[in-house]
Amino acid sequence: MIITDHENEGLGYRILAEKYGMSRMQIHRIVMSKASKKTERAEPVEKPVIREEAAFPDDKEALKEALRQAWLKIELQDLMLDIASKDFGVDIRKKSGTKPSK
């Protein structure tokens, strides 16, 4: 009843506390526990589509073009990281040989 009053009628925690003879913190906990249960039931995230081998081109020229596009993409990402490092003064790339955080 508390949650329906809060959601449907828009009653605040103070009014609900007075109406039901409870503290505002108890009302807050009840409403938040309901809100956290709603987020747990959210729709599952779709899994990324994994290409099957049949989706790759068979001819040599198409494979060369796909490889060229992949190299260009990597080059673009490297340039973006370089620019971001210069602009923000922070090295974004992961350093090799780092220890895992505890």
PDB file of N, CA and C in Angstrom:
ATOM      1  N   MET A   1       0.819  -1.186   0.000  1.00  0.00           N
ATOM      2  CA  MET A   1       0.000   0.000   0.000  1.00  0.00           C
ATOM      3  C   MET A   1       0.867   1.255   0.000  1.00  0.00           C
ATOM      4  N   ILE A   2       1.978   1.189   0.720  1.00  0.00           N
ATOM      5  CA  ILE A   2       2.873   2.347   0.788  1.00  0.00           C
ATOM      6  C   ILE A   2       3.416   2.665  -0.599  1.00  0.00           C
ATOM      7  N   ILE A   3       3.844   1.638  -1.293  1.00  0.00           N
ATOM      8  CA  ILE A   3       4.444   1.842  -2.613  1.00  0.00           C
ATOM      9  C   ILE A   3       3.406   2.348  -3.608  1.00  0.00           C
ATOM     10  N   THR A   4       2.203   1.803  -3.569  1.00  0.00           N
ATOM     11  CA  THR A   4       1.165   2.276  -4.495  1.00  0.00           C
ATOM     12  C   THR A   4       0.804   3.724  -4.192  1.00  0.00           C
ATOM     13  N   ASP A   5       0.737   4.103  -2.908  1.00  0.00           N
ATOM     14  CA  ASP A   5       0.471   5.504  -2.570  1.00  0.00           C
ATOM     15  C   ASP A   5       1.591   6.404  -3.079  1.00  0.00           C
ATOM     16  N   HIS A   6       2.815   5.940  -2.947  1.00  0.00           N
ATOM     17  CA  HIS A   6       3.956   6.748  -3.391  1.00  0.00           C
ATOM     18  C   HIS A   6       3.986   6.887  -4.913  1.00  0.00           C
ATOM     19  N   GLU A   7       3.789   5.774  -5.631  1.00  0.00           N
ATOM     20  CA  GLU A   7       3.894   5.801  -7.088  1.00  0.00           C
ATOM     21  C   GLU A   7       2.660   6.405  -7.750  1.00  0.00           C
ATOM     22  N   ASN A   8       1.479   5.959  -7.361  1.00  0.00           N
ATOM     23  CA  ASN A   8       0.257   6.386  -8.051  1.00  0.00           C
ATOM     24  C   ASN A   8      -0.231   7.765  -7.614  1.00  0.00           C
ATOM     25  N   GLU A   9      -0.195   8.036  -6.310  1.00  0.00           N
ATOM     26  CA  GLU A   9      -0.722   9.301  -5.821  1.00  0.00           C
ATOM     27  C   GLU A   9       0.360  10.355  -5.645  1.00  0.00           C
ATOM     28  N   GLY A  10       1.604   9.948  -5.734  1.00  0.00           N
ATOM     29  CA  GLY A  10       2.712  10.890  -5.636  1.00  0.00           C
ATOM     30  C   GLY A  10       2.930  11.430  -4.236  1.00  0.00           C
ATOM     31  N   LEU A  11       2.541  10.678  -3.221  1.00  0.00           N
ATOM     32  CA  LEU A  11       2.724  11.137  -1.851  1.00  0.00           C
ATOM     33  C   LEU A  11       4.192  11.052  -1.464  1.00  0.00           C
ATOM     34  N   GLY A  12       4.667  12.042  -0.727  1.00  0.00           N
ATOM     35  CA  GLY A  12       6.050  12.088  -0.287  1.00  0.00           C
ATOM     36  C   GLY A  12       6.282  11.229   0.938  1.00  0.00           C
ATOM     37  N   TYR A  13       7.543  11.107   1.320  1.00  0.00           N
ATOM     38  CA  TYR A  13       7.908  10.271   2.462  1.00  0.00           C
ATOM     39  C   TYR A  13       7.309  10.796   3.768  1.00  0.00           C
ATOM     40  N   ARG A  14       7.286  12.115   3.960  1.00  0.00           N
ATOM     41  CA  ARG A  14       6.745  12.684   5.204  1.00  0.00           C
ATOM     42  C   ARG A  14       5.260  12.376   5.351  1.00  0.00           C
ATOM     43  N   ILE A  15       4.519  12.573   4.288  1.00  0.00           N
ATOM     44  CA  ILE A  15       3.080  12.326   4.340  1.00  0.00           C
ATOM     45  C   ILE A  15       2.808  10.845   4.562  1.00  0.00           C
ATOM     46  N   LEU A  16       3.557   9.991   3.861  1.00  0.00           N
ATOM     47  CA  LEU A  16       3.385   8.546   4.050  1.00  0.00           C
ATOM     48  C   LEU A  16       3.748   8.127   5.477  1.00  0.00           C
ATOM     49  N   ALA A  17       4.782   8.744   6.047  1.00  0.00           N
ATOM     50  CA  ALA A  17       5.193   8.408   7.408  1.00  0.00           C
ATOM     51  C   ALA A  17       4.097   8.771   8.403  1.00  0.00           C
ATOM     52  N   GLU A  18       3.493   9.938   8.216  1.00  0.00           N
ATOM     53  CA  GLU A  18       2.393  10.348   9.099  1.00  0.00           C
ATOM     54  C   GLU A  18       1.175   9.444   8.906  1.00  0.00           C
ATOM     55  N   LYS A  19       0.883   9.114   7.652  1.00  0.00           N
ATOM     56  CA  LYS A  19      -0.301   8.301   7.346  1.00  0.00           C
ATOM     57  C   LYS A  19      -0.193   6.900   7.938  1.00  0.00           C
ATOM     58  N   TYR A  20       0.985   6.278   7.860  1.00  0.00           N
ATOM     59  CA  TYR A  20       1.150   4.898   8.310  1.00  0.00           C
ATOM     60  C   TYR A  20       1.822   4.778   9.681  1.00  0.00           C
ATOM     61  N   GLY A  21       2.158   5.915  10.314  1.00  0.00           N
ATOM     62  CA  GLY A  21       2.745   5.877  11.650  1.00  0.00           C
ATOM     63  C   GLY A  21       4.142   5.282  11.668  1.00  0.00           C
ATOM     64  N   MET A  22       4.924   5.585  10.659  1.00  0.00           N
ATOM     65  CA  MET A  22       6.294   5.077  10.562  1.00  0.00           C
ATOM     66  C   MET A  22       7.239   6.263  10.414  1.00  0.00           C
ATOM     67  N   SER A  23       8.545   5.979  10.493  1.00  0.00           N
ATOM     68  CA  SER A  23       9.522   7.048  10.268  1.00  0.00           C
ATOM     69  C   SER A  23       9.757   7.216   8.763  1.00  0.00           C
ATOM     70  N   ARG A  24      10.280   8.407   8.420  1.00  0.00           N
ATOM     71  CA  ARG A  24      10.577   8.662   7.003  1.00  0.00           C
ATOM     72  C   ARG A  24      11.619   7.693   6.466  1.00  0.00           C
ATOM     73  N   MET A  25      12.585   7.317   7.309  1.00  0.00           N
ATOM     74  CA  MET A  25      13.626   6.389   6.871  1.00  0.00           C
ATOM     75  C   MET A  25      13.047   5.009   6.557  1.00  0.00           C
ATOM     76  N   GLN A  26      12.099   4.559   7.343  1.00  0.00           N
ATOM     77  CA  GLN A  26      11.465   3.267   7.069  1.00  0.00           C
ATOM     78  C   GLN A  26      10.713   3.314   5.744  1.00  0.00           C
ATOM     79  N   ILE A  27      10.001   4.412   5.511  1.00  0.00           N
ATOM     80  CA  ILE A  27       9.276   4.580   4.244  1.00  0.00           C
ATOM     81  C   ILE A  27      10.273   4.602   3.092  1.00  0.00           C
ATOM     82  N   HIS A  28      11.345   5.344   3.270  1.00  0.00           N
ATOM     83  CA  HIS A  28      12.376   5.438   2.230  1.00  0.00           C
ATOM     84  C   HIS A  28      12.948   4.062   1.898  1.00  0.00           C
ATOM     85  N   ARG A  29      13.256   3.279   2.918  1.00  0.00           N
ATOM     86  CA  ARG A  29      13.805   1.932   2.694  1.00  0.00           C
ATOM     87  C   ARG A  29      12.814   1.048   1.951  1.00  0.00           C
ATOM     88  N   ILE A  30      11.555   1.131   2.306  1.00  0.00           N
ATOM     89  CA  ILE A  30      10.536   0.312   1.639  1.00  0.00           C
ATOM     90  C   ILE A  30      10.442   0.681   0.171  1.00  0.00           C
ATOM     91  N   VAL A  31      10.400   1.978  -0.108  1.00  0.00           N
ATOM     92  CA  VAL A  31      10.281   2.434  -1.504  1.00  0.00           C
ATOM     93  C   VAL A  31      11.529   2.068  -2.290  1.00  0.00           C
ATOM     94  N   MET A  32      12.706   2.249  -1.699  1.00  0.00           N
ATOM     95  CA  MET A  32      13.950   1.938  -2.406  1.00  0.00           C
ATOM     96  C   MET A  32      14.111   0.443  -2.621  1.00  0.00           C
ATOM     97  N   SER A  33      13.659  -0.377  -1.686  1.00  0.00           N
ATOM     98  CA  SER A  33      13.766  -1.827  -1.888  1.00  0.00           C
ATOM     99  C   SER A  33      12.897  -2.259  -3.059  1.00  0.00           C
ATOM    100  N   LYS A  34      11.759  -1.630  -3.221  1.00  0.00           N
ATOM    101  CA  LYS A  34      10.886  -1.924  -4.365  1.00  0.00           C
ATOM    102  C   LYS A  34      11.543  -1.452  -5.657  1.00  0.00           C
ATOM    103  N   ALA A  35      12.184  -0.280  -5.616  1.00  0.00           N
ATOM    104  CA  ALA A  35      12.846   0.247  -6.810  1.00  0.00           C
ATOM    105  C   ALA A  35      14.012  -0.639  -7.218  1.00  0.00           C
ATOM    106  N   SER A  36      14.764  -1.177  -6.251  1.00  0.00           N
ATOM    107  CA  SER A  36      15.899  -2.036  -6.601  1.00  0.00           C
ATOM    108  C   SER A  36      15.412  -3.361  -7.172  1.00  0.00           C
ATOM    109  N   LYS A  37      14.269  -3.841  -6.721  1.00  0.00           N
ATOM    110  CA  LYS A  37      13.725  -5.075  -7.278  1.00  0.00           C
ATOM    111  C   LYS A  37      13.283  -4.871  -8.714  1.00  0.00           C
ATOM    112  N   LYS A  38      12.786  -3.669  -9.036  1.00  0.00           N
ATOM    113  CA  LYS A  38      12.380  -3.378 -10.411  1.00  0.00           C
ATOM    114  C   LYS A  38      13.588  -3.386 -11.336  1.00  0.00           C
ATOM    115  N   THR A  39      14.704  -2.832 -10.890  1.00  0.00           N
ATOM    116  CA  THR A  39      15.884  -2.777 -11.750  1.00  0.00           C
ATOM    117  C   THR A  39      16.485  -4.154 -11.945  1.00  0.00           C
ATOM    118  N   GLU A  40      16.326  -5.046 -10.976  1.00  0.00           N
ATOM    119  CA  GLU A  40      16.859  -6.399 -11.135  1.00  0.00           C
ATOM    120  C   GLU A  40      16.104  -7.161 -12.217  1.00  0.00           C
ATOM    121  N   ARG A  41      14.846  -6.833 -12.427  1.00  0.00           N
ATOM    122  CA  ARG A  41      14.034  -7.533 -13.414  1.00  0.00           C
ATOM    123  C   ARG A  41      14.101  -6.895 -14.795  1.00  0.00           C
ATOM    124  N   ALA A  42      15.046  -6.019 -14.999  1.00  0.00           N
ATOM    125  CA  ALA A  42      15.172  -5.349 -16.287  1.00  0.00           C
ATOM    126  C   ALA A  42      15.412  -6.379 -17.387  1.00  0.00           C
ATOM    127  N   GLU A  43      15.076  -5.983 -18.601  1.00  0.00           N
ATOM    128  CA  GLU A  43      15.243  -6.885 -19.732  1.00  0.00           C
ATOM    129  C   GLU A  43      16.709  -7.245 -19.904  1.00  0.00           C
ATOM    130  N   PRO A  44      16.975  -8.497 -20.238  1.00  0.00           N
ATOM    131  CA  PRO A  44      18.378  -8.889 -20.414  1.00  0.00           C
ATOM    132  C   PRO A  44      18.998  -8.182 -21.621  1.00  0.00           C
ATOM    133  N   VAL A  45      20.270  -7.904 -21.495  1.00  0.00           N
ATOM    134  CA  VAL A  45      20.999  -7.241 -22.568  1.00  0.00           C
ATOM    135  C   VAL A  45      21.255  -8.258 -23.673  1.00  0.00           C
ATOM    136  N   GLU A  46      21.040  -7.816 -24.895  1.00  0.00           N
ATOM    137  CA  GLU A  46      21.252  -8.723 -26.018  1.00  0.00           C
ATOM    138  C   GLU A  46      22.738  -9.038 -26.148  1.00  0.00           C
ATOM    139  N   LYS A  47      23.026 -10.285 -26.442  1.00  0.00           N
ATOM    140  CA  LYS A  47      24.411 -10.694 -26.631  1.00  0.00           C
ATOM    141  C   LYS A  47      24.877 -10.214 -28.002  1.00  0.00           C
ATOM    142  N   PRO A  48      26.139  -9.832 -28.104  1.00  0.00           N
ATOM    143  CA  PRO A  48      26.640  -9.393 -29.407  1.00  0.00           C
ATOM    144  C   PRO A  48      26.623 -10.548 -30.409  1.00  0.00           C
ATOM    145  N   VAL A  49      26.371 -10.189 -31.636  1.00  0.00           N
ATOM    146  CA  VAL A  49      26.314 -11.200 -32.684  1.00  0.00           C
ATOM    147  C   VAL A  49      27.732 -11.574 -33.083  1.00  0.00           C
ATOM    148  N   ILE A  50      28.029 -12.850 -33.032  1.00  0.00           N
ATOM    149  CA  ILE A  50      29.349 -13.344 -33.410  1.00  0.00           C
ATOM    150  C   ILE A  50      29.277 -13.809 -34.861  1.00  0.00           C
ATOM    151  N   ARG A  51      30.206 -13.311 -35.643  1.00  0.00           N
ATOM    152  CA  ARG A  51      30.211 -13.686 -37.057  1.00  0.00           C
ATOM    153  C   ARG A  51      30.572 -15.146 -37.217  1.00  0.00           C
ATOM    154  N   GLU A  52      29.865 -15.782 -38.086  1.00  0.00           N
ATOM    155  CA  GLU A  52      30.227 -17.151 -38.431  1.00  0.00           C
ATOM    156  C   GLU A  52      31.207 -17.087 -39.588  1.00  0.00           C
ATOM    157  N   GLU A  53      31.926 -18.146 -39.800  1.00  0.00           N
ATOM    158  CA  GLU A  53      32.932 -18.136 -40.863  1.00  0.00           C
ATOM    159  C   GLU A  53      32.307 -17.929 -42.232  1.00  0.00           C
ATOM    160  N   ALA A  54      31.067 -18.309 -42.403  1.00  0.00           N
ATOM    161  CA  ALA A  54      30.401 -18.138 -43.687  1.00  0.00           C
ATOM    162  C   ALA A  54      30.170 -16.660 -44.000  1.00  0.00           C
ATOM    163  N   ALA A  55      30.183 -15.792 -42.976  1.00  0.00           N
ATOM    164  CA  ALA A  55      29.929 -14.374 -43.184  1.00  0.00           C
ATOM    165  C   ALA A  55      31.150 -13.650 -43.751  1.00  0.00           C
ATOM    166  N   PHE A  56      32.335 -14.240 -43.661  1.00  0.00           N
ATOM    167  CA  PHE A  56      33.528 -13.611 -44.196  1.00  0.00           C
ATOM    168  C   PHE A  56      33.583 -13.789 -45.716  1.00  0.00           C
ATOM    169  N   PRO A  57      34.116 -12.789 -46.399  1.00  0.00           N
ATOM    170  CA  PRO A  57      34.205 -12.900 -47.862  1.00  0.00           C
ATOM    171  C   PRO A  57      35.179 -14.003 -48.283  1.00  0.00           C
ATOM    172  N   ASP A  58      34.886 -14.599 -49.419  1.00  0.00           N
ATOM    173  CA  ASP A  58      35.709 -15.693 -49.906  1.00  0.00           C
ATOM    174  C   ASP A  58      36.820 -15.229 -50.851  1.00  0.00           C
ATOM    175  N   ASP A  59      36.561 -14.166 -51.609  1.00  0.00           N
ATOM    176  CA  ASP A  59      37.563 -13.786 -52.603  1.00  0.00           C
ATOM    177  C   ASP A  59      38.684 -12.970 -51.958  1.00  0.00           C
ATOM    178  N   LYS A  60      39.824 -13.016 -52.590  1.00  0.00           N
ATOM    179  CA  LYS A  60      41.044 -12.420 -52.068  1.00  0.00           C
ATOM    180  C   LYS A  60      40.943 -10.899 -51.970  1.00  0.00           C
ATOM    181  N   GLU A  61      40.352 -10.265 -52.952  1.00  0.00           N
ATOM    182  CA  GLU A  61      40.247  -8.801 -52.970  1.00  0.00           C
ATOM    183  C   GLU A  61      39.354  -8.301 -51.835  1.00  0.00           C
ATOM    184  N   ALA A  62      38.262  -8.998 -51.571  1.00  0.00           N
ATOM    185  CA  ALA A  62      37.363  -8.591 -50.491  1.00  0.00           C
ATOM    186  C   ALA A  62      38.055  -8.757 -49.137  1.00  0.00           C
ATOM    187  N   LEU A  63      38.852  -9.808 -48.979  1.00  0.00           N
ATOM    188  CA  LEU A  63      39.602 -10.004 -47.749  1.00  0.00           C
ATOM    189  C   LEU A  63      40.657  -8.909 -47.562  1.00  0.00           C
ATOM    190  N   LYS A  64      41.312  -8.516 -48.657  1.00  0.00           N
ATOM    191  CA  LYS A  64      42.300  -7.441 -48.590  1.00  0.00           C
ATOM    192  C   LYS A  64      41.634  -6.135 -48.164  1.00  0.00           C
ATOM    193  N   GLU A  65      40.467  -5.861 -48.710  1.00  0.00           N
ATOM    194  CA  GLU A  65      39.744  -4.633 -48.362  1.00  0.00           C
ATOM    195  C   GLU A  65      39.303  -4.653 -46.894  1.00  0.00           C
ATOM    196  N   ALA A  66      38.847  -5.805 -46.413  1.00  0.00           N
ATOM    197  CA  ALA A  66      38.438  -5.929 -45.017  1.00  0.00           C
ATOM    198  C   ALA A  66      39.642  -5.718 -44.100  1.00  0.00           C
ATOM    199  N   LEU A  67      40.799  -6.265 -44.472  1.00  0.00           N
ATOM    200  CA  LEU A  67      42.012  -6.085 -43.689  1.00  0.00           C
ATOM    201  C   LEU A  67      42.447  -4.620 -43.692  1.00  0.00           C
ATOM    202  N   ARG A  68      42.346  -3.971 -44.834  1.00  0.00           N
ATOM    203  CA  ARG A  68      42.703  -2.555 -44.940  1.00  0.00           C
ATOM    204  C   ARG A  68      41.808  -1.708 -44.039  1.00  0.00           C
ATOM    205  N   GLN A  69      40.509  -2.002 -44.039  1.00  0.00           N
ATOM    206  CA  GLN A  69      39.562  -1.271 -43.185  1.00  0.00           C
ATOM    207  C   GLN A  69      39.891  -1.475 -41.704  1.00  0.00           C
ATOM    208  N   ALA A  70      40.265  -2.704 -41.337  1.00  0.00           N
ATOM    209  CA  ALA A  70      40.616  -2.990 -39.947  1.00  0.00           C
ATOM    210  C   ALA A  70      41.872  -2.217 -39.547  1.00  0.00           C
ATOM    211  N   TRP A  71      42.871  -2.154 -40.427  1.00  0.00           N
ATOM    212  CA  TRP A  71      44.081  -1.403 -40.133  1.00  0.00           C
ATOM    213  C   TRP A  71      43.778   0.087 -39.975  1.00  0.00           C
ATOM    214  N   LEU A  72      42.927   0.612 -40.848  1.00  0.00           N
ATOM    215  CA  LEU A  72      42.554   2.021 -40.750  1.00  0.00           C
ATOM    216  C   LEU A  72      41.842   2.311 -39.426  1.00  0.00           C
ATOM    217  N   LYS A  73      41.006   1.399 -39.026  1.00  0.00           N
ATOM    218  CA  LYS A  73      40.290   1.573 -37.760  1.00  0.00           C
ATOM    219  C   LYS A  73      41.268   1.599 -36.583  1.00  0.00           C
ATOM    220  N   ILE A  74      42.242   0.700 -36.598  1.00  0.00           N
ATOM    221  CA  ILE A  74      43.239   0.648 -35.532  1.00  0.00           C
ATOM    222  C   ILE A  74      44.075   1.928 -35.522  1.00  0.00           C
ATOM    223  N   GLU A  75      44.460   2.398 -36.702  1.00  0.00           N
ATOM    224  CA  GLU A  75      45.225   3.640 -36.806  1.00  0.00           C
ATOM    225  C   GLU A  75      44.427   4.811 -36.259  1.00  0.00           C
ATOM    226  N   LEU A  76      43.146   4.876 -36.580  1.00  0.00           N
ATOM    227  CA  LEU A  76      42.287   5.942 -36.086  1.00  0.00           C
ATOM    228  C   LEU A  76      42.185   5.901 -34.567  1.00  0.00           C
ATOM    229  N   GLN A  77      42.035   4.707 -34.008  1.00  0.00           N
ATOM    230  CA  GLN A  77      41.958   4.579 -32.555  1.00  0.00           C
ATOM    231  C   GLN A  77      43.255   5.017 -31.895  1.00  0.00           C
ATOM    232  N   ASP A  78      44.393   4.659 -32.486  1.00  0.00           N
ATOM    233  CA  ASP A  78      45.683   5.080 -31.943  1.00  0.00           C
ATOM    234  C   ASP A  78      45.823   6.597 -31.980  1.00  0.00           C
ATOM    235  N   LEU A  79      45.394   7.212 -33.083  1.00  0.00           N
ATOM    236  CA  LEU A  79      45.464   8.670 -33.177  1.00  0.00           C
ATOM    237  C   LEU A  79      44.553   9.340 -32.167  1.00  0.00           C
ATOM    238  N   MET A  80      43.380   8.783 -31.958  1.00  0.00           N
ATOM    239  CA  MET A  80      42.458   9.343 -30.965  1.00  0.00           C
ATOM    240  C   MET A  80      43.060   9.267 -29.568  1.00  0.00           C
ATOM    241  N   LEU A  81      43.711   8.152 -29.243  1.00  0.00           N
ATOM    242  CA  LEU A  81      44.358   8.015 -27.939  1.00  0.00           C
ATOM    243  C   LEU A  81      45.506   9.008 -27.781  1.00  0.00           C
ATOM    244  N   ASP A  82      46.278   9.219 -28.861  1.00  0.00           N
ATOM    245  CA  ASP A  82      47.370  10.183 -28.816  1.00  0.00           C
ATOM    246  C   ASP A  82      46.843  11.594 -28.565  1.00  0.00           C
ATOM    247  N   ILE A  83      45.792  11.964 -29.280  1.00  0.00           N
ATOM    248  CA  ILE A  83      45.214  13.306 -29.138  1.00  0.00           C
ATOM    249  C   ILE A  83      44.640  13.484 -27.734  1.00  0.00           C
ATOM    250  N   ALA A  84      43.942  12.474 -27.247  1.00  0.00           N
ATOM    251  CA  ALA A  84      43.368  12.558 -25.902  1.00  0.00           C
ATOM    252  C   ALA A  84      44.465  12.668 -24.855  1.00  0.00           C
ATOM    253  N   SER A  85      45.555  11.944 -25.053  1.00  0.00           N
ATOM    254  CA  SER A  85      46.669  12.010 -24.103  1.00  0.00           C
ATOM    255  C   SER A  85      47.267  13.404 -24.070  1.00  0.00           C
ATOM    256  N   LYS A  86      47.407  14.035 -25.244  1.00  0.00           N
ATOM    257  CA  LYS A  86      47.962  15.389 -25.300  1.00  0.00           C
ATOM    258  C   LYS A  86      47.000  16.400 -24.687  1.00  0.00           C
ATOM    259  N   ASP A  87      45.724  16.300 -25.021  1.00  0.00           N
ATOM    260  CA  ASP A  87      44.746  17.281 -24.546  1.00  0.00           C
ATOM    261  C   ASP A  87      44.524  17.207 -23.051  1.00  0.00           C
ATOM    262  N   PHE A  88      44.450  16.004 -22.501  1.00  0.00           N
ATOM    263  CA  PHE A  88      44.130  15.845 -21.091  1.00  0.00           C
ATOM    264  C   PHE A  88      45.360  15.613 -20.219  1.00  0.00           C
ATOM    265  N   GLY A  89      46.495  15.361 -20.839  1.00  0.00           N
ATOM    266  CA  GLY A  89      47.723  15.160 -20.081  1.00  0.00           C
ATOM    267  C   GLY A  89      47.760  13.857 -19.302  1.00  0.00           C
ATOM    268  N   VAL A  90      46.965  12.889 -19.710  1.00  0.00           N
ATOM    269  CA  VAL A  90      46.913  11.604 -19.024  1.00  0.00           C
ATOM    270  C   VAL A  90      47.150  10.506 -20.048  1.00  0.00           C
ATOM    271  N   ASP A  91      48.049   9.569 -19.704  1.00  0.00           N
ATOM    272  CA  ASP A  91      48.296   8.454 -20.610  1.00  0.00           C
ATOM    273  C   ASP A  91      47.157   7.445 -20.461  1.00  0.00           C
ATOM    274  N   ILE A  92      46.421   7.226 -21.512  1.00  0.00           N
ATOM    275  CA  ILE A  92      45.235   6.379 -21.464  1.00  0.00           C
ATOM    276  C   ILE A  92      45.577   4.919 -21.706  1.00  0.00           C
ATOM    277  N   ARG A  93      46.611   4.664 -22.451  1.00  0.00           N
ATOM    278  CA  ARG A  93      46.965   3.289 -22.800  1.00  0.00           C
ATOM    279  C   ARG A  93      47.378   2.496 -21.574  1.00  0.00           C
ATOM    280  N   LYS A  94      47.075   1.224 -21.586  1.00  0.00           N
ATOM    281  CA  LYS A  94      47.466   0.334 -20.494  1.00  0.00           C
ATOM    282  C   LYS A  94      48.952   0.044 -20.626  1.00  0.00           C
ATOM    283  N   LYS A  95      49.622   0.170 -19.538  1.00  0.00           N
ATOM    284  CA  LYS A  95      51.057  -0.111 -19.548  1.00  0.00           C
ATOM    285  C   LYS A  95      51.273  -1.608 -19.413  1.00  0.00           C
ATOM    286  N   SER A  96      52.212  -2.149 -20.167  1.00  0.00           N
ATOM    287  CA  SER A  96      52.479  -3.569 -20.083  1.00  0.00           C
ATOM    288  C   SER A  96      53.223  -3.875 -18.786  1.00  0.00           C
ATOM    289  N   GLY A  97      52.956  -5.027 -18.230  1.00  0.00           N
ATOM    290  CA  GLY A  97      53.643  -5.458 -17.019  1.00  0.00           C
ATOM    291  C   GLY A  97      53.119  -4.840 -15.743  1.00  0.00           C
ATOM    292  N   THR A  98      51.944  -4.228 -15.779  1.00  0.00           N
ATOM    293  CA  THR A  98      51.400  -3.641 -14.563  1.00  0.00           C
ATOM    294  C   THR A  98      50.828  -4.710 -13.659  1.00  0.00           C
ATOM    295  N   LYS A  99      50.832  -4.440 -12.378  1.00  0.00           N
ATOM    296  CA  LYS A  99      50.298  -5.367 -11.403  1.00  0.00           C
ATOM    297  C   LYS A  99      48.794  -5.144 -11.279  1.00  0.00           C
ATOM    298  N   PRO A 100      48.014  -6.208 -11.082  1.00  0.00           N
ATOM    299  CA  PRO A 100      46.575  -6.021 -10.909  1.00  0.00           C
ATOM    300  C   PRO A 100      46.274  -5.258  -9.625  1.00  0.00           C
ATOM    301  N   SER A 101      45.248  -4.444  -9.644  1.00  0.00           N
ATOM    302  CA  SER A 101      44.870  -3.686  -8.456  1.00  0.00           C
ATOM    303  C   SER A 101      44.257  -4.600  -7.412  1.00  0.00           C
ATOM    304  N   LYS A 102      44.400  -4.228  -6.175  1.00  0.00           N
ATOM    305  CA  LYS A 102      43.877  -5.051  -5.080  1.00  0.00           C
ATOM    306  C   LYS A 102      42.588  -4.509  -4.565  1.00  0.00           C
TER     307      LYS A 102
END
